């Protein structure tokens, strides 16, 4: 899948899947997040987050490039490495 970069306050980099079913972001504090669409209004809810020093945002984007777009953001969690677990 490819990702579409958009501007989102509080993020150095924020990108969604082509159909907006999931998003990944790197916050200004260096936290990497996998997000799902919220209830509306362009809001997103965090599905998982971790310190980017444990598994880099760039590595996540490369990993996602090998996968098909999920129906739901939560489906991406099974593909993430152990370093992203809480």
PDB file of N, CA and C in Angstrom:
ATOM      1  N   UNK A   1       0.846  -1.172   0.000  1.00  0.00           N
ATOM      2  CA  UNK A   1       0.000   0.000   0.000  1.00  0.00           C
ATOM      3  C   UNK A   1       0.887   1.228   0.000  1.00  0.00           C
ATOM      4  N   UNK A   2       0.372   2.306  -0.467  1.00  0.00           N
ATOM      5  CA  UNK A   2       1.076   3.572  -0.387  1.00  0.00           C
ATOM      6  C   UNK A   2       0.367   4.461   0.624  1.00  0.00           C
ATOM      7  N   UNK A   3       1.032   5.496   1.056  1.00  0.00           N
ATOM      8  CA  UNK A   3       0.474   6.420   2.041  1.00  0.00           C
ATOM      9  C   UNK A   3       0.397   7.821   1.446  1.00  0.00           C
ATOM     10  N   UNK A   4      -0.597   8.566   1.874  1.00  0.00           N
ATOM     11  CA  UNK A   4      -0.823   9.930   1.404  1.00  0.00           C
ATOM     12  C   UNK A   4      -0.493  10.880   2.548  1.00  0.00           C
ATOM     13  N   UNK A   5       0.534  11.682   2.362  1.00  0.00           N
ATOM     14  CA  UNK A   5       0.968  12.610   3.405  1.00  0.00           C
ATOM     15  C   UNK A   5       0.046  13.819   3.464  1.00  0.00           C
ATOM     16  N   UNK A   6      -0.371  14.160   4.683  1.00  0.00           N
ATOM     17  CA  UNK A   6      -1.181  15.353   4.899  1.00  0.00           C
ATOM     18  C   UNK A   6      -0.600  16.129   6.077  1.00  0.00           C
ATOM     19  N   UNK A   7      -0.986  17.364   6.197  1.00  0.00           N
ATOM     20  CA  UNK A   7      -0.520  18.191   7.309  1.00  0.00           C
ATOM     21  C   UNK A   7      -1.468  18.003   8.487  1.00  0.00           C
ATOM     22  N   UNK A   8      -0.889  17.740   9.656  1.00  0.00           N
ATOM     23  CA  UNK A   8      -1.690  17.546  10.863  1.00  0.00           C
ATOM     24  C   UNK A   8      -0.937  18.188  12.023  1.00  0.00           C
ATOM     25  N   UNK A   9      -1.582  19.107  12.708  1.00  0.00           N
ATOM     26  CA  UNK A   9      -0.945  19.809  13.816  1.00  0.00           C
ATOM     27  C   UNK A   9      -0.444  18.827  14.873  1.00  0.00           C
ATOM     28  N   UNK A  10       0.778  19.061  15.349  1.00  0.00           N
ATOM     29  CA  UNK A  10       1.389  18.221  16.365  1.00  0.00           C
ATOM     30  C   UNK A  10       2.228  17.090  15.811  1.00  0.00           C
ATOM     31  N   UNK A  11       2.220  16.936  14.489  1.00  0.00           N
ATOM     32  CA  UNK A  11       2.957  15.859  13.844  1.00  0.00           C
ATOM     33  C   UNK A  11       4.031  16.413  12.913  1.00  0.00           C
ATOM     34  N   UNK A  12       5.194  15.784  12.962  1.00  0.00           N
ATOM     35  CA  UNK A  12       6.264  16.088  12.009  1.00  0.00           C
ATOM     36  C   UNK A  12       5.894  15.473  10.672  1.00  0.00           C
ATOM     37  N   UNK A  13       5.292  14.284  10.717  1.00  0.00           N
ATOM     38  CA  UNK A  13       4.849  13.581   9.517  1.00  0.00           C
ATOM     39  C   UNK A  13       3.571  12.837   9.854  1.00  0.00           C
ATOM     40  N   UNK A  14       2.587  12.941   8.965  1.00  0.00           N
ATOM     41  CA  UNK A  14       1.300  12.273   9.160  1.00  0.00           C
ATOM     42  C   UNK A  14       0.818  11.811   7.792  1.00  0.00           C
ATOM     43  N   UNK A  15       0.432  10.544   7.673  1.00  0.00           N
ATOM     44  CA  UNK A  15       0.001  10.016   6.383  1.00  0.00           C
ATOM     45  C   UNK A  15      -1.126   9.012   6.582  1.00  0.00           C
ATOM     46  N   UNK A  16      -2.030   8.980   5.617  1.00  0.00           N
ATOM     47  CA  UNK A  16      -3.153   8.056   5.663  1.00  0.00           C
ATOM     48  C   UNK A  16      -3.033   7.021   4.550  1.00  0.00           C
ATOM     49  N   UNK A  17      -3.754   5.932   4.718  1.00  0.00           N
ATOM     50  CA  UNK A  17      -3.865   4.960   3.635  1.00  0.00           C
ATOM     51  C   UNK A  17      -4.733   5.597   2.546  1.00  0.00           C
ATOM     52  N   UNK A  18      -4.696   5.058   1.326  1.00  0.00           N
ATOM     53  CA  UNK A  18      -5.419   5.692   0.222  1.00  0.00           C
ATOM     54  C   UNK A  18      -6.906   5.959   0.489  1.00  0.00           C
ATOM     55  N   UNK A  19      -7.568   5.057   1.197  1.00  0.00           N
ATOM     56  CA  UNK A  19      -8.994   5.230   1.476  1.00  0.00           C
ATOM     57  C   UNK A  19      -9.262   5.777   2.884  1.00  0.00           C
ATOM     58  N   UNK A  20      -8.208   6.187   3.592  1.00  0.00           N
ATOM     59  CA  UNK A  20      -8.380   6.790   4.908  1.00  0.00           C
ATOM     60  C   UNK A  20      -8.821   5.831   5.989  1.00  0.00           C
ATOM     61  N   UNK A  21      -8.502   4.554   5.827  1.00  0.00           N
ATOM     62  CA  UNK A  21      -8.893   3.554   6.826  1.00  0.00           C
ATOM     63  C   UNK A  21      -7.918   3.479   7.991  1.00  0.00           C
ATOM     64  N   UNK A  22      -6.712   3.994   7.789  1.00  0.00           N
ATOM     65  CA  UNK A  22      -5.677   3.988   8.826  1.00  0.00           C
ATOM     66  C   UNK A  22      -4.731   5.147   8.548  1.00  0.00           C
ATOM     67  N   UNK A  23      -3.978   5.498   9.563  1.00  0.00           N
ATOM     68  CA  UNK A  23      -2.971   6.548   9.406  1.00  0.00           C
ATOM     69  C   UNK A  23      -1.775   6.203  10.274  1.00  0.00           C
ATOM     70  N   UNK A  24      -0.625   6.765   9.911  1.00  0.00           N
ATOM     71  CA  UNK A  24       0.579   6.651  10.730  1.00  0.00           C
ATOM     72  C   UNK A  24       1.135   8.049  10.901  1.00  0.00           C
ATOM     73  N   UNK A  25       1.677   8.306  12.068  1.00  0.00           N
ATOM     74  CA  UNK A  25       2.205   9.630  12.322  1.00  0.00           C
ATOM     75  C   UNK A  25       3.414   9.597  13.225  1.00  0.00           C
ATOM     76  N   UNK A  26       4.228  10.622  13.089  1.00  0.00           N
ATOM     77  CA  UNK A  26       5.385  10.845  13.950  1.00  0.00           C
ATOM     78  C   UNK A  26       5.168  12.187  14.613  1.00  0.00           C
ATOM     79  N   UNK A  27       5.018  12.180  15.944  1.00  0.00           N
ATOM     80  CA  UNK A  27       4.748  13.418  16.660  1.00  0.00           C
ATOM     81  C   UNK A  27       6.024  14.249  16.817  1.00  0.00           C
ATOM     82  N   UNK A  28       5.836  15.479  17.192  1.00  0.00           N
ATOM     83  CA  UNK A  28       6.971  16.376  17.442  1.00  0.00           C
ATOM     84  C   UNK A  28       7.842  15.863  18.582  1.00  0.00           C
ATOM     85  N   UNK A  29       7.273  15.024  19.466  1.00  0.00           N
ATOM     86  CA  UNK A  29       8.009  14.457  20.596  1.00  0.00           C
ATOM     87  C   UNK A  29       8.698  13.139  20.235  1.00  0.00           C
ATOM     88  N   UNK A  30       8.604  12.691  18.966  1.00  0.00           N
ATOM     89  CA  UNK A  30       9.265  11.457  18.549  1.00  0.00           C
ATOM     90  C   UNK A  30       8.472  10.201  18.809  1.00  0.00           C
ATOM     91  N   UNK A  31       7.176  10.339  19.054  1.00  0.00           N
ATOM     92  CA  UNK A  31       6.304   9.187  19.270  1.00  0.00           C
ATOM     93  C   UNK A  31       5.698   8.782  17.932  1.00  0.00           C
ATOM     94  N   UNK A  32       5.752   7.489  17.632  1.00  0.00           N
ATOM     95  CA  UNK A  32       5.160   6.944  16.413  1.00  0.00           C
ATOM     96  C   UNK A  32       3.774   6.419  16.772  1.00  0.00           C
ATOM     97  N   UNK A  33       2.793   6.710  15.929  1.00  0.00           N
ATOM     98  CA  UNK A  33       1.424   6.268  16.193  1.00  0.00           C
ATOM     99  C   UNK A  33       0.806   5.609  14.961  1.00  0.00           C
ATOM    100  N   UNK A  34       0.023   4.563  15.224  1.00  0.00           N
ATOM    101  CA  UNK A  34      -0.893   4.002  14.238  1.00  0.00           C
ATOM    102  C   UNK A  34      -2.263   4.476  14.687  1.00  0.00           C
ATOM    103  N   UNK A  35      -3.014   5.054  13.751  1.00  0.00           N
ATOM    104  CA  UNK A  35      -4.290   5.664  14.104  1.00  0.00           C
ATOM    105  C   UNK A  35      -5.431   5.138  13.241  1.00  0.00           C
ATOM    106  N   UNK A  36      -6.636   5.216  13.798  1.00  0.00           N
ATOM    107  CA  UNK A  36      -7.859   4.843  13.094  1.00  0.00           C
ATOM    108  C   UNK A  36      -8.744   6.076  12.999  1.00  0.00           C
ATOM    109  N   UNK A  37      -9.618   6.123  11.989  1.00  0.00           N
ATOM    110  CA  UNK A  37     -10.531   7.266  11.895  1.00  0.00           C
ATOM    111  C   UNK A  37     -11.390   7.369  13.144  1.00  0.00           C
ATOM    112  N   UNK A  38     -11.621   8.599  13.582  1.00  0.00           N
ATOM    113  CA  UNK A  38     -12.476   8.836  14.740  1.00  0.00           C
ATOM    114  C   UNK A  38     -13.934   8.888  14.331  1.00  0.00           C
ATOM    115  N   UNK A  39     -14.731   9.505  15.163  1.00  0.00           N
ATOM    116  CA  UNK A  39     -16.172   9.584  14.928  1.00  0.00           C
ATOM    117  C   UNK A  39     -16.560  10.551  13.825  1.00  0.00           C
ATOM    118  N   UNK A  40     -15.647  11.390  13.418  1.00  0.00           N
ATOM    119  CA  UNK A  40     -15.959  12.353  12.365  1.00  0.00           C
ATOM    120  C   UNK A  40     -15.175  13.627  12.538  1.00  0.00           C
ATOM    121  N   UNK A  41     -15.332  14.514  11.606  1.00  0.00           N
ATOM    122  CA  UNK A  41     -14.675  15.804  11.706  1.00  0.00           C
ATOM    123  C   UNK A  41     -13.176  15.751  11.495  1.00  0.00           C
ATOM    124  N   UNK A  42     -12.693  14.704  10.829  1.00  0.00           N
ATOM    125  CA  UNK A  42     -11.261  14.613  10.563  1.00  0.00           C
ATOM    126  C   UNK A  42     -10.420  14.203  11.756  1.00  0.00           C
ATOM    127  N   UNK A  43     -11.064  13.737  12.820  1.00  0.00           N
ATOM    128  CA  UNK A  43     -10.335  13.311  14.009  1.00  0.00           C
ATOM    129  C   UNK A  43      -9.830  11.880  13.845  1.00  0.00           C
ATOM    130  N   UNK A  44      -8.748  11.575  14.550  1.00  0.00           N
ATOM    131  CA  UNK A  44      -8.150  10.245  14.540  1.00  0.00           C
ATOM    132  C   UNK A  44      -7.958   9.783  15.967  1.00  0.00           C
ATOM    133  N   UNK A  45      -8.094   8.487  16.189  1.00  0.00           N
ATOM    134  CA  UNK A  45      -7.837   7.922  17.522  1.00  0.00           C
ATOM    135  C   UNK A  45      -6.630   6.992  17.428  1.00  0.00           C
ATOM    136  N   UNK A  46      -5.830   7.012  18.467  1.00  0.00           N
ATOM    137  CA  UNK A  46      -4.614   6.208  18.499  1.00  0.00           C
ATOM    138  C   UNK A  46      -4.960   4.750  18.784  1.00  0.00           C
ATOM    139  N   UNK A  47      -4.417   3.872  17.935  1.00  0.00           N
ATOM    140  CA  UNK A  47      -4.590   2.433  18.101  1.00  0.00           C
ATOM    141  C   UNK A  47      -3.383   1.858  18.834  1.00  0.00           C
ATOM    142  N   UNK A  48      -2.191   2.350  18.493  1.00  0.00           N
ATOM    143  CA  UNK A  48      -0.965   1.959  19.186  1.00  0.00           C
ATOM    144  C   UNK A  48       0.047   3.091  19.016  1.00  0.00           C
ATOM    145  N   UNK A  49       0.880   3.267  20.045  1.00  0.00           N
ATOM    146  CA  UNK A  49       1.962   4.253  19.964  1.00  0.00           C
ATOM    147  C   UNK A  49       3.183   3.724  20.695  1.00  0.00           C
ATOM    148  N   UNK A  50       4.363   4.219  20.270  1.00  0.00           N
ATOM    149  CA  UNK A  50       5.621   3.813  20.875  1.00  0.00           C
ATOM    150  C   UNK A  50       6.660   4.878  20.597  1.00  0.00           C
ATOM    151  N   UNK A  51       7.734   4.818  21.352  1.00  0.00           N
ATOM    152  CA  UNK A  51       8.859   5.728  21.158  1.00  0.00           C
ATOM    153  C   UNK A  51       9.556   5.368  19.852  1.00  0.00           C
ATOM    154  N   UNK A  52       9.756   6.347  19.008  1.00  0.00           N
ATOM    155  CA  UNK A  52      10.381   6.131  17.711  1.00  0.00           C
ATOM    156  C   UNK A  52      11.797   5.602  17.785  1.00  0.00           C
ATOM    157  N   UNK A  53      12.410   5.643  18.951  1.00  0.00           N
ATOM    158  CA  UNK A  53      13.753   5.071  19.109  1.00  0.00           C
ATOM    159  C   UNK A  53      13.702   3.548  19.132  1.00  0.00           C
ATOM    160  N   UNK A  54      12.549   2.997  19.505  1.00  0.00           N
ATOM    161  CA  UNK A  54      12.395   1.534  19.554  1.00  0.00           C
ATOM    162  C   UNK A  54      12.145   0.942  18.172  1.00  0.00           C
ATOM    163  N   UNK A  55      11.331   1.618  17.374  1.00  0.00           N
ATOM    164  CA  UNK A  55      11.053   1.196  15.988  1.00  0.00           C
ATOM    165  C   UNK A  55      10.697   2.471  15.234  1.00  0.00           C
ATOM    166  N   UNK A  56      11.535   2.843  14.286  1.00  0.00           N
ATOM    167  CA  UNK A  56      11.434   4.143  13.634  1.00  0.00           C
ATOM    168  C   UNK A  56      10.211   4.253  12.726  1.00  0.00           C
ATOM    169  N   UNK A  57       9.721   5.473  12.615  1.00  0.00           N
ATOM    170  CA  UNK A  57       8.612   5.789  11.720  1.00  0.00           C
ATOM    171  C   UNK A  57       8.947   5.382  10.283  1.00  0.00           C
ATOM    172  N   UNK A  58      10.160   5.650   9.851  1.00  0.00           N
ATOM    173  CA  UNK A  58      10.582   5.289   8.493  1.00  0.00           C
ATOM    174  C   UNK A  58      10.506   3.784   8.285  1.00  0.00           C
ATOM    175  N   UNK A  59      10.931   3.010   9.276  1.00  0.00           N
ATOM    176  CA  UNK A  59      10.849   1.551   9.174  1.00  0.00           C
ATOM    177  C   UNK A  59       9.394   1.093   9.089  1.00  0.00           C
ATOM    178  N   UNK A  60       8.511   1.769   9.806  1.00  0.00           N
ATOM    179  CA  UNK A  60       7.092   1.446   9.746  1.00  0.00           C
ATOM    180  C   UNK A  60       6.544   1.693   8.346  1.00  0.00           C
ATOM    181  N   UNK A  61       6.889   2.815   7.746  1.00  0.00           N
ATOM    182  CA  UNK A  61       6.409   3.145   6.399  1.00  0.00           C
ATOM    183  C   UNK A  61       6.904   2.103   5.384  1.00  0.00           C
ATOM    184  N   UNK A  62       8.158   1.680   5.505  1.00  0.00           N
ATOM    185  CA  UNK A  62       8.693   0.648   4.609  1.00  0.00           C
ATOM    186  C   UNK A  62       7.920  -0.656   4.797  1.00  0.00           C
ATOM    187  N   UNK A  63       7.672  -1.043   6.026  1.00  0.00           N
ATOM    188  CA  UNK A  63       6.917  -2.261   6.317  1.00  0.00           C
ATOM    189  C   UNK A  63       5.520  -2.189   5.707  1.00  0.00           C
ATOM    190  N   UNK A  64       4.845  -1.065   5.881  1.00  0.00           N
ATOM    191  CA  UNK A  64       3.485  -0.915   5.371  1.00  0.00           C
ATOM    192  C   UNK A  64       3.444  -0.924   3.845  1.00  0.00           C
ATOM    193  N   UNK A  65       4.530  -0.506   3.212  1.00  0.00           N
ATOM    194  CA  UNK A  65       4.594  -0.511   1.757  1.00  0.00           C
ATOM    195  C   UNK A  65       4.494  -1.905   1.157  1.00  0.00           C
ATOM    196  N   UNK A  66       4.741  -2.916   1.964  1.00  0.00           N
ATOM    197  CA  UNK A  66       4.679  -4.314   1.501  1.00  0.00           C
ATOM    198  C   UNK A  66       3.305  -4.947   1.723  1.00  0.00           C
ATOM    199  N   UNK A  67       2.417  -4.228   2.380  1.00  0.00           N
ATOM    200  CA  UNK A  67       1.121  -4.790   2.770  1.00  0.00           C
ATOM    201  C   UNK A  67      -0.016  -4.187   1.948  1.00  0.00           C
ATOM    202  N   UNK A  68      -1.125  -4.921   1.819  1.00  0.00           N
ATOM    203  CA  UNK A  68      -2.320  -4.329   1.205  1.00  0.00           C
ATOM    204  C   UNK A  68      -2.986  -3.382   2.207  1.00  0.00           C
ATOM    205  N   UNK A  69      -3.782  -2.474   1.696  1.00  0.00           N
ATOM    206  CA  UNK A  69      -4.497  -1.562   2.597  1.00  0.00           C
ATOM    207  C   UNK A  69      -5.491  -2.358   3.436  1.00  0.00           C
ATOM    208  N   UNK A  70      -5.498  -2.152   4.740  1.00  0.00           N
ATOM    209  CA  UNK A  70      -6.426  -2.893   5.598  1.00  0.00           C
ATOM    210  C   UNK A  70      -7.839  -2.305   5.524  1.00  0.00           C
ATOM    211  N   UNK A  71      -8.804  -3.102   5.922  1.00  0.00           N
ATOM    212  CA  UNK A  71     -10.170  -2.589   6.066  1.00  0.00           C
ATOM    213  C   UNK A  71     -10.271  -1.704   7.301  1.00  0.00           C
ATOM    214  N   UNK A  72      -9.498  -2.082   8.338  1.00  0.00           N
ATOM    215  CA  UNK A  72      -9.495  -1.345   9.611  1.00  0.00           C
ATOM    216  C   UNK A  72      -8.060  -1.193  10.090  1.00  0.00           C
ATOM    217  N   UNK A  73      -7.763  -0.089  10.736  1.00  0.00           N
ATOM    218  CA  UNK A  73      -6.408   0.186  11.226  1.00  0.00           C
ATOM    219  C   UNK A  73      -5.917  -0.906  12.170  1.00  0.00           C
ATOM    220  N   UNK A  74      -6.802  -1.471  12.956  1.00  0.00           N
ATOM    221  CA  UNK A  74      -6.421  -2.499  13.922  1.00  0.00           C
ATOM    222  C   UNK A  74      -5.801  -3.720  13.253  1.00  0.00           C
ATOM    223  N   UNK A  75      -6.122  -3.950  11.994  1.00  0.00           N
ATOM    224  CA  UNK A  75      -5.557  -5.086  11.265  1.00  0.00           C
ATOM    225  C   UNK A  75      -4.046  -4.945  11.070  1.00  0.00           C
ATOM    226  N   UNK A  76      -3.542  -3.738  11.129  1.00  0.00           N
ATOM    227  CA  UNK A  76      -2.097  -3.518  10.965  1.00  0.00           C
ATOM    228  C   UNK A  76      -1.301  -3.994  12.176  1.00  0.00           C
ATOM    229  N   UNK A  77      -1.923  -4.082  13.323  1.00  0.00           N
ATOM    230  CA  UNK A  77      -1.208  -4.399  14.553  1.00  0.00           C
ATOM    231  C   UNK A  77      -0.513  -5.758  14.493  1.00  0.00           C
ATOM    232  N   UNK A  78      -1.104  -6.723  13.838  1.00  0.00           N
ATOM    233  CA  UNK A  78      -0.503  -8.060  13.745  1.00  0.00           C
ATOM    234  C   UNK A  78       0.794  -8.044  12.950  1.00  0.00           C
ATOM    235  N   UNK A  79       1.000  -7.052  12.110  1.00  0.00           N
ATOM    236  CA  UNK A  79       2.205  -6.969  11.277  1.00  0.00           C
ATOM    237  C   UNK A  79       3.336  -6.196  11.951  1.00  0.00           C
ATOM    238  N   UNK A  80       3.049  -5.575  13.077  1.00  0.00           N
ATOM    239  CA  UNK A  80       4.064  -4.751  13.745  1.00  0.00           C
ATOM    240  C   UNK A  80       5.023  -5.618  14.557  1.00  0.00           C
ATOM    241  N   UNK A  81       6.289  -5.214  14.638  1.00  0.00           N
ATOM    242  CA  UNK A  81       7.252  -5.975  15.424  1.00  0.00           C
ATOM    243  C   UNK A  81       7.032  -5.810  16.925  1.00  0.00           C
ATOM    244  N   UNK A  82       7.641  -6.693  17.687  1.00  0.00           N
ATOM    245  CA  UNK A  82       7.482  -6.691  19.144  1.00  0.00           C
ATOM    246  C   UNK A  82       7.910  -5.365  19.777  1.00  0.00           C
ATOM    247  N   UNK A  83       8.823  -4.650  19.162  1.00  0.00           N
ATOM    248  CA  UNK A  83       9.307  -3.384  19.719  1.00  0.00           C
ATOM    249  C   UNK A  83       8.213  -2.343  19.872  1.00  0.00           C
ATOM    250  N   UNK A  84       7.096  -2.547  19.179  1.00  0.00           N
ATOM    251  CA  UNK A  84       6.009  -1.563  19.242  1.00  0.00           C
ATOM    252  C   UNK A  84       5.002  -1.852  20.338  1.00  0.00           C
ATOM    253  N   UNK A  85       5.101  -3.015  20.960  1.00  0.00           N
ATOM    254  CA  UNK A  85       4.158  -3.384  22.028  1.00  0.00           C
ATOM    255  C   UNK A  85       4.406  -2.536  23.262  1.00  0.00           C
ATOM    256  N   UNK A  86       3.371  -2.285  23.983  1.00  0.00           N
ATOM    257  CA  UNK A  86       3.471  -1.446  25.187  1.00  0.00           C
ATOM    258  C   UNK A  86       4.274  -2.082  26.283  1.00  0.00           C
TER     259      UNK A  86
END
